[in-house]
Amino acid sequence: MPRLPQLTVLATILAAALAGNALAASPGNDPAALVKIRDAALKSEYAYERLADMTDLIGPRLSGSRGEAAAVAQVADAMRKLGAKVTLQPVKVPHWVRGAEAAELVEYRGRPEGITQKVVLTALGGSGATPATGLTAPVIVVRNFDELKARAAEVKGRIVLFNVPFDQHMADRGLAGQAYGQVTRYRGAGTRMAAEMGAAAVLVSSAGGANFRLPHTGASGLQDGARIPAASVAVEDALLMARLAARGPLSMKLTLTPQILPDADSFNVIADWPGTDKAEEVVIVSGHLDSWDLATGANDDAAGIASSMAVIETLKRLDYRPRRTIRFIAWANEENGGRGAQVYLDANRDHVARHFAAIESDGGAGRPFGMRSSAPQPANKLFAPLQAVLEPIGAGALQRADALSTGDLRGLELAGVPSFTPLIDSSDYFHYHHTAADTLDKVDPQNLKRHVALMSSLTWYLANLEQPIGRWTDPALAAGAASATAR
């Protein structure tokens, strides 16, 4: 082995000593360090710049599309520039492509000669296709599952409309998620039920509260073997059809020509910001990379991706290194399959215990009020110092639930990993969600900075927490983990 010059040896020893001192002096969860993280995030334009890059330069990012592939490359490149260790984890994703979509009401009682009425709609993900020339069939309008069952004899060969409106009053009072769940069960279970009963096609009223004749897309519950044309109808048109059906027989001409192509290659983008003395333990901060194809997915979920990327950028700018490894993940295929999350879970089944906590931002870019957590109840008191730092920006609330069941973290949560997500004002989130209006201009830059401040502070806090927060456990739900994570 060649002998190093004396000055080189001394320089090497000095560098090692300085590095050791830097690690020893790591700020950890000192309140002053948390304030610096919060304030640095509030001053940065990084997240908004990444959000603009994704939405304005790429646009829609449906699984299997060129836009999704471009987003993978864009995000991976940005994370490499920050100095993070980037891994592209292969994922086979569904490749559904929207085609022509049109509808008009062609028969109804009192229709003047030569008059038809256009219906504004958009195909649901996984929808089957009509003939290229369309299909014409009677429409039956139902308000719930019980009414559909009661009218089962009328379903075969007809177009079924579930006229179930989104309850904006609930959303205005902090229950947007519950309001969304009440209507989307018809997009899932309802489409399957109608198909199994022999319907020619199925329509659902849009899952959103801003009734500006905007149809809201989303994944249907249809499967091969019972895949009929399925679409979301603007609320105004669903109400119109309900009124016309009350007058007498109603018929529609419907044209939907989507295609289901062979599965495509995609990736989870994983970027590690290595820890120091607890580097083998991981704190995930994440969002999902894909979006629906009607718009640029600014709120759902480019904002979540940009905020998560900015966590690493904020810490890099401050030259802060966490004790635990912070793992950024841009999940593939959340919208119409969840395959990215499943691939990650399958690859880490033997390493779940190393996951200290996981954060996902997938609720839009509204004003953050704090965080939601599925950590065990006794851990709540551990977060008081963090809450105190976040209170001056109105983000100090802590809301706990037995399970958050966020889209990409559900499998990890069922396996015991405590989940976290921003607690957000979502009263107007479903105005734009899954519509052609989910664009960059809907994101308030100041609220996005608050997101980054919250997520950076929370991620750092978890990555440096001295005490364990415990594993998430709910015996009733955990018993079903195997089936839930095998989907």
Protein backbone atom coordinates (compact mmCIF):
# COMPACT_ATOMS: atom_id res chain seq x y z
CA MET A 1 0.00 0.00 0.00
CA PRO A 2 1.56 3.37 -0.97
CA ARG A 3 2.53 5.65 1.85
CA LEU A 4 0.43 8.85 2.03
CA PRO A 5 2.21 12.19 2.40
CA GLN A 6 2.14 13.47 5.97
CA LEU A 7 -0.04 16.49 5.12
CA THR A 8 -2.60 14.25 3.46
CA VAL A 9 -2.79 12.04 6.53
CA LEU A 10 -3.21 15.05 8.80
CA ALA A 11 -5.91 16.46 6.52
CA THR A 12 -7.74 13.14 6.55
CA ILE A 13 -7.63 12.95 10.36
CA LEU A 14 -8.82 16.52 10.68
CA ALA A 15 -11.72 15.95 8.27
CA ALA A 16 -12.79 12.85 10.19
CA ALA A 17 -12.64 14.76 13.45
CA LEU A 18 -14.72 17.59 12.06
CA ALA A 19 -17.29 15.14 10.71
CA GLY A 20 -17.48 13.45 14.10
CA ASN A 21 -18.00 16.78 15.83
CA ALA A 22 -20.72 17.70 13.32
CA LEU A 23 -22.57 14.50 14.06
CA ALA A 24 -22.14 14.97 17.78
CA ALA A 25 -23.54 18.47 17.48
CA SER A 26 -26.55 17.42 15.38
CA PRO A 27 -29.49 19.57 16.51
CA GLY A 28 -31.90 16.65 16.80
CA ASN A 29 -35.30 17.76 18.08
CA ASP A 30 -34.06 20.87 19.79
CA PRO A 31 -36.93 23.40 19.53
CA ALA A 32 -34.61 25.94 17.93
CA ALA A 33 -33.81 23.46 15.15
CA LEU A 34 -37.50 22.80 14.56
CA VAL A 35 -38.14 26.54 14.32
CA LYS A 36 -35.36 26.85 11.75
CA ILE A 37 -36.88 24.04 9.70
CA ARG A 38 -40.33 25.59 9.88
CA ASP A 39 -39.11 29.05 8.92
CA ALA A 40 -36.81 27.82 6.15
CA ALA A 41 -39.74 25.98 4.58
CA LEU A 42 -41.97 29.04 4.78
CA LYS A 43 -39.41 31.10 2.86
CA SER A 44 -38.78 28.62 0.07
CA GLU A 45 -40.28 28.49 -3.43
CA TYR A 46 -38.88 25.01 -4.08
CA ALA A 47 -42.14 23.08 -3.73
CA TYR A 48 -44.10 25.46 -5.94
CA GLU A 49 -41.36 25.32 -8.59
CA ARG A 50 -41.46 21.51 -8.59
CA LEU A 51 -45.27 21.61 -8.69
CA ALA A 52 -45.17 23.93 -11.71
CA ASP A 53 -42.60 21.71 -13.43
CA MET A 54 -44.83 18.67 -13.06
CA THR A 55 -48.15 20.26 -13.95
CA ASP A 56 -47.16 22.81 -16.59
CA LEU A 57 -44.35 20.92 -18.33
CA ILE A 58 -45.79 17.39 -18.16
CA GLY A 59 -49.52 17.61 -17.43
CA PRO A 60 -51.67 14.50 -16.88
CA ARG A 61 -49.90 11.40 -15.53
CA LEU A 62 -52.28 8.44 -15.76
CA SER A 63 -50.61 5.08 -15.19
CA GLY A 64 -48.98 3.73 -18.34
CA SER A 65 -48.95 7.10 -20.10
CA ARG A 66 -46.01 9.08 -21.45
CA GLY A 67 -46.81 11.74 -18.89
CA GLU A 68 -46.33 9.30 -16.04
CA ALA A 69 -43.00 8.14 -17.49
CA ALA A 70 -41.85 11.74 -17.87
CA ALA A 71 -42.79 12.46 -14.25
CA VAL A 72 -40.74 9.50 -13.03
CA ALA A 73 -37.69 10.86 -14.84
CA GLN A 74 -38.32 14.44 -13.71
CA VAL A 75 -38.70 13.61 -10.02
CA ALA A 76 -35.79 11.15 -9.97
CA ASP A 77 -33.53 13.75 -11.56
CA ALA A 78 -34.57 16.43 -9.07
CA MET A 79 -33.89 14.13 -6.11
CA ARG A 80 -30.47 13.20 -7.47
CA LYS A 81 -29.63 16.90 -7.72
CA LEU A 82 -30.37 17.19 -3.99
CA GLY A 83 -27.85 14.45 -3.30
CA ALA A 84 -30.36 11.80 -2.24
CA LYS A 85 -29.74 8.14 -3.08
CA VAL A 86 -32.34 7.39 -5.77
CA THR A 87 -33.77 3.96 -6.57
CA LEU A 88 -36.35 3.24 -9.26
CA GLN A 89 -38.46 0.28 -8.12
CA PRO A 90 -40.16 -1.42 -11.12
CA VAL A 91 -43.95 -1.67 -11.06
CA LYS A 92 -46.27 -3.15 -13.70
CA VAL A 93 -49.23 -0.80 -13.96
CA PRO A 94 -52.62 -0.96 -15.70
CA HIS A 95 -52.85 0.94 -18.97
CA TRP A 96 -56.38 2.24 -19.59
CA VAL A 97 -56.82 4.86 -22.30
CA ARG A 98 -59.81 7.20 -22.60
CA GLY A 99 -61.53 7.38 -26.00
CA ALA A 100 -64.48 9.29 -27.40
CA GLU A 101 -67.21 10.15 -24.90
CA ALA A 102 -70.56 11.67 -25.71
CA ALA A 103 -74.17 11.33 -24.64
CA GLU A 104 -77.54 12.84 -25.48
CA LEU A 105 -81.09 12.32 -24.32
CA VAL A 106 -83.03 11.25 -27.39
CA GLU A 107 -86.47 10.30 -26.04
CA TYR A 108 -88.51 11.67 -23.14
CA ARG A 109 -92.08 12.73 -22.52
CA GLY A 110 -92.80 16.19 -23.90
CA ARG A 111 -89.73 16.29 -26.17
CA PRO A 112 -90.30 18.72 -29.07
CA GLU A 113 -89.73 17.27 -32.53
CA GLY A 114 -86.05 17.32 -33.52
CA ILE A 115 -84.81 18.21 -30.01
CA THR A 116 -82.19 16.21 -28.12
CA GLN A 117 -80.26 17.23 -25.00
CA LYS A 118 -76.52 16.88 -24.51
CA VAL A 119 -75.34 15.19 -21.31
CA VAL A 120 -71.91 16.14 -19.94
CA LEU A 121 -70.06 13.07 -18.76
CA THR A 122 -66.66 11.37 -18.66
CA ALA A 123 -65.72 7.70 -18.60
CA LEU A 124 -64.74 6.09 -15.32
CA GLY A 125 -61.40 4.33 -15.14
CA GLY A 126 -61.72 0.71 -16.22
CA SER A 127 -64.92 1.39 -18.14
CA GLY A 128 -65.88 -0.90 -20.95
CA ALA A 129 -66.71 0.44 -24.40
CA THR A 130 -69.86 0.91 -26.41
CA PRO A 131 -69.83 0.21 -30.15
CA ALA A 132 -68.00 2.96 -32.04
CA THR A 133 -71.39 4.22 -33.23
CA GLY A 134 -72.71 4.27 -29.65
CA LEU A 135 -75.65 2.50 -28.03
CA THR A 136 -79.18 3.73 -27.41
CA ALA A 137 -81.12 2.38 -24.44
CA PRO A 138 -83.77 3.33 -21.87
CA VAL A 139 -82.51 4.94 -18.65
CA ILE A 140 -83.61 4.01 -15.16
CA VAL A 141 -82.76 6.38 -12.32
CA VAL A 142 -82.19 5.04 -8.79
CA ARG A 143 -81.19 6.76 -5.56
CA ASN A 144 -79.54 3.88 -3.70
CA PHE A 145 -78.72 0.18 -3.75
CA ASP A 146 -82.07 -0.84 -2.27
CA GLU A 147 -83.96 0.90 -5.06
CA LEU A 148 -81.79 -0.80 -7.67
CA LYS A 149 -82.53 -4.19 -6.13
CA ALA A 150 -86.23 -3.40 -5.97
CA ARG A 151 -86.19 -2.61 -9.70
CA ALA A 152 -83.98 -5.54 -10.68
CA ALA A 153 -86.46 -6.74 -13.31
CA GLU A 154 -86.03 -3.44 -15.20
CA VAL A 155 -82.22 -3.39 -15.28
CA LYS A 156 -81.30 -5.80 -18.07
CA GLY A 157 -80.43 -3.97 -21.29
CA ARG A 158 -80.94 -0.53 -19.74
CA ILE A 159 -78.66 2.31 -18.67
CA VAL A 160 -78.64 2.65 -14.87
CA LEU A 161 -78.07 6.10 -13.32
CA PHE A 162 -77.22 6.35 -9.62
CA ASN A 163 -78.51 9.83 -8.78
CA VAL A 164 -76.71 10.27 -5.44
CA PRO A 165 -75.48 13.84 -4.85
CA PHE A 166 -72.31 14.83 -3.01
CA ASP A 167 -73.18 16.45 0.35
CA GLN A 168 -71.31 19.75 0.26
CA HIS A 169 -72.81 20.73 3.63
CA MET A 170 -70.83 17.88 5.20
CA ALA A 171 -67.67 19.02 3.38
CA ASP A 172 -68.14 22.59 4.58
CA ARG A 173 -68.17 21.32 8.16
CA GLY A 174 -64.99 19.26 8.00
CA LEU A 175 -66.48 15.97 6.79
CA ALA A 176 -65.41 16.05 3.15
CA GLY A 177 -63.93 12.55 3.27
CA GLN A 178 -67.13 11.08 4.63
CA ALA A 179 -69.19 12.91 2.01
CA TYR A 180 -66.92 11.55 -0.69
CA GLY A 181 -67.20 8.01 0.62
CA GLN A 182 -70.99 8.18 0.58
CA VAL A 183 -71.08 8.76 -3.17
CA THR A 184 -68.03 6.82 -4.39
CA ARG A 185 -69.40 3.50 -3.20
CA TYR A 186 -71.76 3.76 -6.18
CA ARG A 187 -68.75 4.33 -8.45
CA GLY A 188 -67.27 1.11 -7.09
CA ALA A 189 -69.80 -1.40 -5.79
CA GLY A 190 -72.64 0.21 -7.75
CA THR A 191 -71.01 -0.23 -11.16
CA ARG A 192 -70.25 -3.87 -10.36
CA MET A 193 -73.80 -4.52 -9.18
CA ALA A 194 -75.35 -2.96 -12.29
CA ALA A 195 -73.05 -4.97 -14.55
CA GLU A 196 -73.88 -8.22 -12.77
CA MET A 197 -77.61 -7.45 -13.15
CA GLY A 198 -77.26 -7.11 -16.92
CA ALA A 199 -77.26 -3.34 -17.38
CA ALA A 200 -76.20 -2.05 -20.78
CA ALA A 201 -74.24 0.77 -19.11
CA VAL A 202 -74.00 2.54 -15.75
CA LEU A 203 -73.77 6.22 -14.83
CA VAL A 204 -73.04 7.88 -11.49
CA SER A 205 -73.58 11.46 -10.38
CA SER A 206 -70.26 13.29 -9.98
CA ALA A 207 -68.45 13.06 -6.64
CA GLY A 208 -67.92 16.74 -5.97
CA GLY A 209 -69.61 19.82 -4.59
CA ALA A 210 -68.94 22.59 -7.12
CA ASN A 211 -71.72 21.98 -9.60
CA PHE A 212 -70.29 23.83 -12.58
CA ARG A 213 -71.24 21.02 -14.95
CA LEU A 214 -67.90 19.32 -14.31
CA PRO A 215 -67.85 15.52 -14.45
CA HIS A 216 -65.52 13.86 -11.92
CA THR A 217 -63.74 10.72 -13.07
CA GLY A 218 -62.30 7.97 -10.86
CA ALA A 219 -61.80 4.21 -10.78
CA SER A 220 -64.86 2.08 -11.39
CA GLY A 221 -65.37 -1.25 -9.69
CA LEU A 222 -65.63 -3.11 -13.00
CA GLN A 223 -63.67 -6.27 -13.68
CA ASP A 224 -62.98 -8.37 -16.77
CA GLY A 225 -65.98 -10.57 -17.53
CA ALA A 226 -68.44 -7.88 -16.43
CA ARG A 227 -67.00 -4.69 -17.88
CA ILE A 228 -69.76 -2.46 -19.24
CA PRO A 229 -69.58 1.21 -20.28
CA ALA A 230 -69.44 3.36 -17.16
CA ALA A 231 -69.30 7.13 -16.77
CA SER A 232 -69.60 9.97 -14.29
CA VAL A 233 -72.28 12.52 -15.14
CA ALA A 234 -72.20 16.21 -14.22
CA VAL A 235 -74.54 16.80 -11.28
CA GLU A 236 -76.77 19.13 -13.31
CA ASP A 237 -77.33 16.43 -15.93
CA ALA A 238 -78.02 13.74 -13.34
CA LEU A 239 -80.67 16.01 -11.82
CA LEU A 240 -82.12 16.71 -15.28
CA MET A 241 -82.41 13.00 -16.02
CA ALA A 242 -84.08 12.39 -12.67
CA ARG A 243 -86.67 15.07 -13.45
CA LEU A 244 -87.32 13.76 -16.97
CA ALA A 245 -87.56 10.17 -15.76
CA ALA A 246 -90.24 11.29 -13.29
CA ARG A 247 -92.28 12.52 -16.29
CA GLY A 248 -92.10 9.23 -18.15
CA PRO A 249 -89.82 6.93 -20.20
CA LEU A 250 -86.32 8.30 -20.90
CA SER A 251 -83.74 7.09 -23.44
CA MET A 252 -80.10 8.01 -24.03
CA LYS A 253 -77.61 7.55 -26.82
CA LEU A 254 -74.22 6.89 -25.20
CA THR A 255 -70.79 6.66 -26.84
CA LEU A 256 -67.72 5.63 -24.81
CA THR A 257 -64.71 4.07 -26.55
CA PRO A 258 -61.95 3.56 -23.96
CA GLN A 259 -59.34 0.83 -24.39
CA ILE A 260 -57.62 -1.47 -21.93
CA LEU A 261 -54.08 -2.07 -23.17
CA PRO A 262 -51.46 -4.52 -21.83
CA ASP A 263 -49.91 -3.60 -18.50
CA ALA A 264 -47.11 -1.03 -18.79
CA ASP A 265 -43.76 -0.58 -17.05
CA SER A 266 -43.49 2.11 -14.41
CA PHE A 267 -41.63 2.78 -11.16
CA ASN A 268 -41.86 3.90 -7.58
CA VAL A 269 -39.32 6.71 -7.24
CA ILE A 270 -37.49 6.14 -3.94
CA ALA A 271 -34.94 8.65 -2.64
CA ASP A 272 -33.12 8.14 0.67
CA TRP A 273 -31.67 10.93 2.80
CA PRO A 274 -29.40 8.74 4.96
CA GLY A 275 -29.55 8.80 8.71
CA THR A 276 -26.63 8.82 11.13
CA ASP A 277 -26.67 6.50 14.16
CA LYS A 278 -30.10 4.97 13.40
CA ALA A 279 -29.73 4.81 9.61
CA GLU A 280 -31.25 1.33 9.41
CA GLU A 281 -34.58 2.75 10.61
CA VAL A 282 -36.79 4.53 8.07
CA VAL A 283 -39.30 7.38 8.11
CA ILE A 284 -41.27 7.59 4.86
CA VAL A 285 -42.53 10.90 3.45
CA SER A 286 -44.56 10.46 0.30
CA GLY A 287 -47.23 11.28 -2.26
CA HIS A 288 -48.43 9.55 -5.43
CA LEU A 289 -46.99 10.38 -8.82
CA ASP A 290 -49.88 9.38 -11.09
CA SER A 291 -52.96 11.48 -11.78
CA TRP A 292 -56.14 11.16 -13.77
CA ASP A 293 -56.01 12.26 -17.38
CA LEU A 294 -58.55 15.11 -17.47
CA ALA A 295 -56.20 17.74 -16.01
CA THR A 296 -52.72 18.15 -14.57
CA GLY A 297 -53.42 16.67 -11.13
CA ALA A 298 -52.15 19.73 -9.24
CA ASN A 299 -54.00 18.97 -6.01
CA ASP A 300 -54.18 15.23 -6.59
CA ASP A 301 -51.36 14.65 -6.05
CA ALA A 302 -48.60 16.79 -7.53
CA ALA A 303 -48.85 19.02 -4.45
CA GLY A 304 -48.20 16.02 -2.20
CA ILE A 305 -45.19 15.00 -4.30
CA ALA A 306 -43.77 18.53 -4.36
CA SER A 307 -44.22 18.99 -0.60
CA SER A 308 -42.51 15.67 0.09
CA MET A 309 -39.60 16.54 -2.21
CA ALA A 310 -39.26 19.86 -0.41
CA VAL A 311 -38.74 18.07 2.92
CA ILE A 312 -35.38 16.79 1.65
CA GLU A 313 -34.54 20.15 0.06
CA THR A 314 -35.25 22.01 3.31
CA LEU A 315 -32.98 19.74 5.35
CA LYS A 316 -30.25 19.90 2.73
CA ARG A 317 -30.36 23.69 2.72
CA LEU A 318 -29.94 23.72 6.51
CA ASP A 319 -27.30 20.97 6.34
CA TYR A 320 -29.33 18.87 8.80
CA ARG A 321 -28.79 15.12 8.87
CA PRO A 322 -31.42 13.03 10.70
CA ARG A 323 -30.69 10.09 12.97
CA ARG A 324 -33.06 7.84 11.01
CA THR A 325 -33.07 7.60 7.23
CA ILE A 326 -35.75 9.76 5.62
CA ARG A 327 -37.18 7.96 2.60
CA PHE A 328 -39.04 9.99 0.01
CA ILE A 329 -41.39 7.87 -2.14
CA ALA A 330 -43.34 8.94 -5.21
CA TRP A 331 -45.84 6.09 -5.44
CA ALA A 332 -46.88 4.63 -8.79
CA ASN A 333 -50.48 3.82 -9.70
CA GLU A 334 -52.42 5.04 -6.68
CA GLU A 335 -55.42 6.16 -8.71
CA ASN A 336 -56.44 2.99 -10.50
CA GLY A 337 -54.75 0.03 -8.90
CA GLY A 338 -52.46 0.75 -5.94
CA ARG A 339 -49.78 -1.47 -7.42
CA GLY A 340 -46.84 0.74 -6.44
CA ALA A 341 -47.72 0.44 -2.76
CA GLN A 342 -48.21 -3.30 -3.10
CA VAL A 343 -44.83 -3.81 -4.79
CA TYR A 344 -43.09 -1.82 -2.04
CA LEU A 345 -44.87 -3.77 0.69
CA ASP A 346 -44.03 -7.12 -0.91
CA ALA A 347 -40.37 -6.13 -1.19
CA ASN A 348 -40.23 -5.02 2.46
CA ARG A 349 -42.27 -7.67 4.26
CA ASP A 350 -39.16 -8.84 6.11
CA HIS A 351 -38.16 -5.25 6.93
CA VAL A 352 -41.44 -3.71 8.10
CA ALA A 353 -40.11 -3.46 11.65
CA ARG A 354 -37.43 -1.06 10.41
CA HIS A 355 -40.11 1.42 9.32
CA PHE A 356 -40.45 3.77 12.28
CA ALA A 357 -43.30 5.81 10.77
CA ALA A 358 -44.78 6.75 7.38
CA ILE A 359 -46.27 10.01 6.09
CA GLU A 360 -48.39 10.48 2.99
CA SER A 361 -49.80 13.73 1.64
CA ASP A 362 -52.76 12.98 -0.65
CA GLY A 363 -55.45 15.39 0.46
CA GLY A 364 -54.76 18.39 -1.72
CA ALA A 365 -53.10 21.70 -0.96
CA GLY A 366 -55.69 23.36 1.27
CA ARG A 367 -54.74 25.17 4.48
CA PRO A 368 -53.07 22.68 6.86
CA PHE A 369 -54.24 22.77 10.47
CA GLY A 370 -51.96 20.09 11.84
CA MET A 371 -51.57 16.36 11.46
CA ARG A 372 -53.55 13.17 11.67
CA SER A 373 -51.95 10.12 13.21
CA SER A 374 -52.58 6.43 13.79
CA ALA A 375 -49.78 6.15 16.35
CA PRO A 376 -50.91 4.47 19.58
CA GLN A 377 -52.79 6.77 21.95
CA PRO A 378 -50.01 6.98 24.58
CA ALA A 379 -47.70 8.49 21.95
CA ASN A 380 -49.82 11.65 21.66
CA LYS A 381 -47.95 13.36 24.46
CA LEU A 382 -44.65 12.89 22.64
CA PHE A 383 -45.70 15.40 19.98
CA ALA A 384 -46.32 18.36 22.29
CA PRO A 385 -42.95 20.03 21.46
CA LEU A 386 -43.64 19.74 17.74
CA GLN A 387 -47.16 21.07 18.14
CA ALA A 388 -45.80 24.09 20.01
CA VAL A 389 -43.50 24.91 17.07
CA LEU A 390 -46.33 24.55 14.54
CA GLU A 391 -48.96 26.50 16.46
CA PRO A 392 -47.70 29.95 15.31
CA ILE A 393 -48.53 28.98 11.70
CA GLY A 394 -51.92 27.53 12.66
CA ALA A 395 -50.79 23.93 12.15
CA GLY A 396 -50.47 22.61 15.69
CA ALA A 397 -53.53 20.37 15.87
CA LEU A 398 -53.14 16.63 16.40
CA GLN A 399 -56.02 14.35 15.45
CA ARG A 400 -55.70 10.64 16.15
CA ALA A 401 -57.57 7.72 14.58
CA ASP A 402 -57.18 3.97 14.97
CA ALA A 403 -56.41 3.77 11.25
CA LEU A 404 -55.88 6.47 8.63
CA SER A 405 -56.04 4.02 5.70
CA THR A 406 -54.40 6.47 3.31
CA GLY A 407 -54.20 5.08 -0.21
CA ASP A 408 -50.57 3.99 -0.38
CA LEU A 409 -49.78 3.42 3.30
CA ARG A 410 -52.68 1.14 4.16
CA GLY A 411 -50.67 -2.07 3.75
CA LEU A 412 -47.78 -0.78 5.86
CA GLU A 413 -50.23 0.49 8.47
CA LEU A 414 -51.94 -2.87 8.71
CA ALA A 415 -48.49 -4.40 9.15
CA GLY A 416 -47.95 -2.16 12.17
CA VAL A 417 -46.33 1.05 10.88
CA PRO A 418 -47.90 4.21 12.37
CA SER A 419 -49.18 6.53 9.64
CA PHE A 420 -49.35 10.31 9.48
CA THR A 421 -50.97 12.73 7.05
CA PRO A 422 -51.58 16.50 7.07
CA LEU A 423 -54.86 17.63 8.61
CA ILE A 424 -56.15 19.89 5.85
CA ASP A 425 -59.07 22.19 5.13
CA SER A 426 -60.69 20.05 2.44
CA SER A 427 -63.99 21.93 2.20
CA ASP A 428 -63.37 22.81 -1.46
CA TYR A 429 -61.04 19.91 -2.36
CA PHE A 430 -63.76 17.96 -4.14
CA HIS A 431 -64.70 20.95 -6.28
CA TYR A 432 -61.73 20.08 -8.51
CA HIS A 433 -60.81 16.52 -7.56
CA HIS A 434 -60.58 14.19 -10.60
CA THR A 435 -61.88 16.91 -12.92
CA ALA A 436 -60.52 18.96 -15.81
CA ALA A 437 -60.14 21.86 -13.33
CA ASP A 438 -57.42 20.33 -11.13
CA THR A 439 -54.72 22.71 -12.37
CA LEU A 440 -51.87 24.74 -10.91
CA ASP A 441 -53.91 27.91 -10.43
CA LYS A 442 -56.05 26.10 -7.82
CA VAL A 443 -53.05 25.81 -5.47
CA ASP A 444 -52.43 28.68 -3.05
CA PRO A 445 -48.62 29.12 -2.89
CA GLN A 446 -48.76 30.21 0.77
CA ASN A 447 -50.73 27.15 1.78
CA LEU A 448 -48.22 24.99 -0.08
CA LYS A 449 -45.41 26.58 1.96
CA ARG A 450 -47.34 25.77 5.13
CA HIS A 451 -47.59 22.17 3.92
CA VAL A 452 -43.83 22.01 3.50
CA ALA A 453 -43.28 23.57 6.91
CA LEU A 454 -45.59 21.04 8.54
CA MET A 455 -44.25 18.02 6.69
CA SER A 456 -40.58 19.00 7.06
CA SER A 457 -40.99 19.59 10.81
CA LEU A 458 -42.96 16.37 11.30
CA THR A 459 -40.57 14.26 9.24
CA TRP A 460 -37.52 15.64 11.05
CA TYR A 461 -39.19 15.18 14.43
CA LEU A 462 -40.03 11.53 13.72
CA ALA A 463 -36.56 10.87 12.32
CA ASN A 464 -34.93 12.13 15.52
CA LEU A 465 -37.44 11.12 18.19
CA GLU A 466 -35.67 9.46 21.11
CA GLN A 467 -38.64 7.53 22.46
CA PRO A 468 -40.39 4.83 20.41
CA ILE A 469 -43.94 5.73 19.42
CA GLY A 470 -44.98 2.08 19.35
CA ARG A 471 -46.47 -0.04 16.61
CA TRP A 472 -49.94 0.54 15.28
CA THR A 473 -52.27 -2.26 16.37
CA ASP A 474 -55.95 -2.84 15.95
CA PRO A 475 -56.70 -6.57 16.30
CA ALA A 476 -59.91 -6.43 14.26
CA LEU A 477 -58.26 -4.70 11.31
CA ALA A 478 -54.87 -6.37 11.59
CA ALA A 479 -56.58 -9.76 11.29
CA GLY A 480 -57.54 -8.81 7.77
CA ALA A 481 -54.11 -7.51 6.81
CA ALA A 482 -53.25 -10.45 4.57
CA SER A 483 -56.34 -10.08 2.38
CA ALA A 484 -56.19 -6.29 2.37
CA THR A 485 -52.56 -6.17 1.24
CA ALA A 486 -52.95 -8.92 -1.35
CA ARG A 487 -55.28 -6.87 -3.55
